[in-house]
């Protein structure tokens, strides 16, 4: 089977993959929900869902620094990666080990298409179609309120970093009734931002994500005191940045209630 990945590379598969390595946590979760437990042989140390896989699958390093020697020893017949999550040079090196299907997800529609594509290349098209249909129905039922509050979504601290409009998180914020106050940051998808910038922008909402930087209650207190003009809340990073079957659990209602969005 010859398929094209999201970067335009031709990926040739000898048949239905029987030894899959997943290098992206959210896509690992999707593979589980596609019923591919027996086929997945390797995951990263950040692939925390499903929890039991960390005990039953080989751990091949991190998303940015995978262990190529371990990957080669597992003799995969398919490696699933992502343009943003994984290192470009490592992805290129992996193509000498096994076929690599690389995804690129920047919007809700991209995420929906990714579900279909991974279902196709793994022989789980029917279940992928069912999951995609459920995701579409779920998002149609979300309260897409016209009342939008301006928001800065922080993914890192010291230096503070946020998200531009060219990101998947930006798209998810809109489904939560929030307007990304950063907008277009040129070529920077995750720009740094200073406290002075924050004072000038005056966002109505500041969300502190649980990943990749683990913002905690102590940070909530600090930012609430430093930016009293904004409502500050902790955000579940998995809800806003994980794509795939995790979309079925997307529920911004708690944040909306806390911020007065109905």
Foldseek 3Di string as FASTA:
>chain_A
DWDAAAVRDIFDAPDQWQEEEEQDQLVVQQCVLLVNPRRYAEYAPPNCPPPCCVVVHHHQYHQADGNVVVVLVSQTQEYEHEPPRYDPVVQVVCVVRHGYHYAYDFAQVSLLVVLCVVCVNNVSNVSSVVLSVLLVVLLVPQDQDPQEFEEWEFADVPQTKTAECRGHLQNLSNSLRYHHLRYDPDPDGIDTDDLVNCVVSLTQEYEYECPPPRDDPVVLVVVCVSRVSHRYDYDHNCLRHRGHSSSSVNDNVVVCVSSVHD
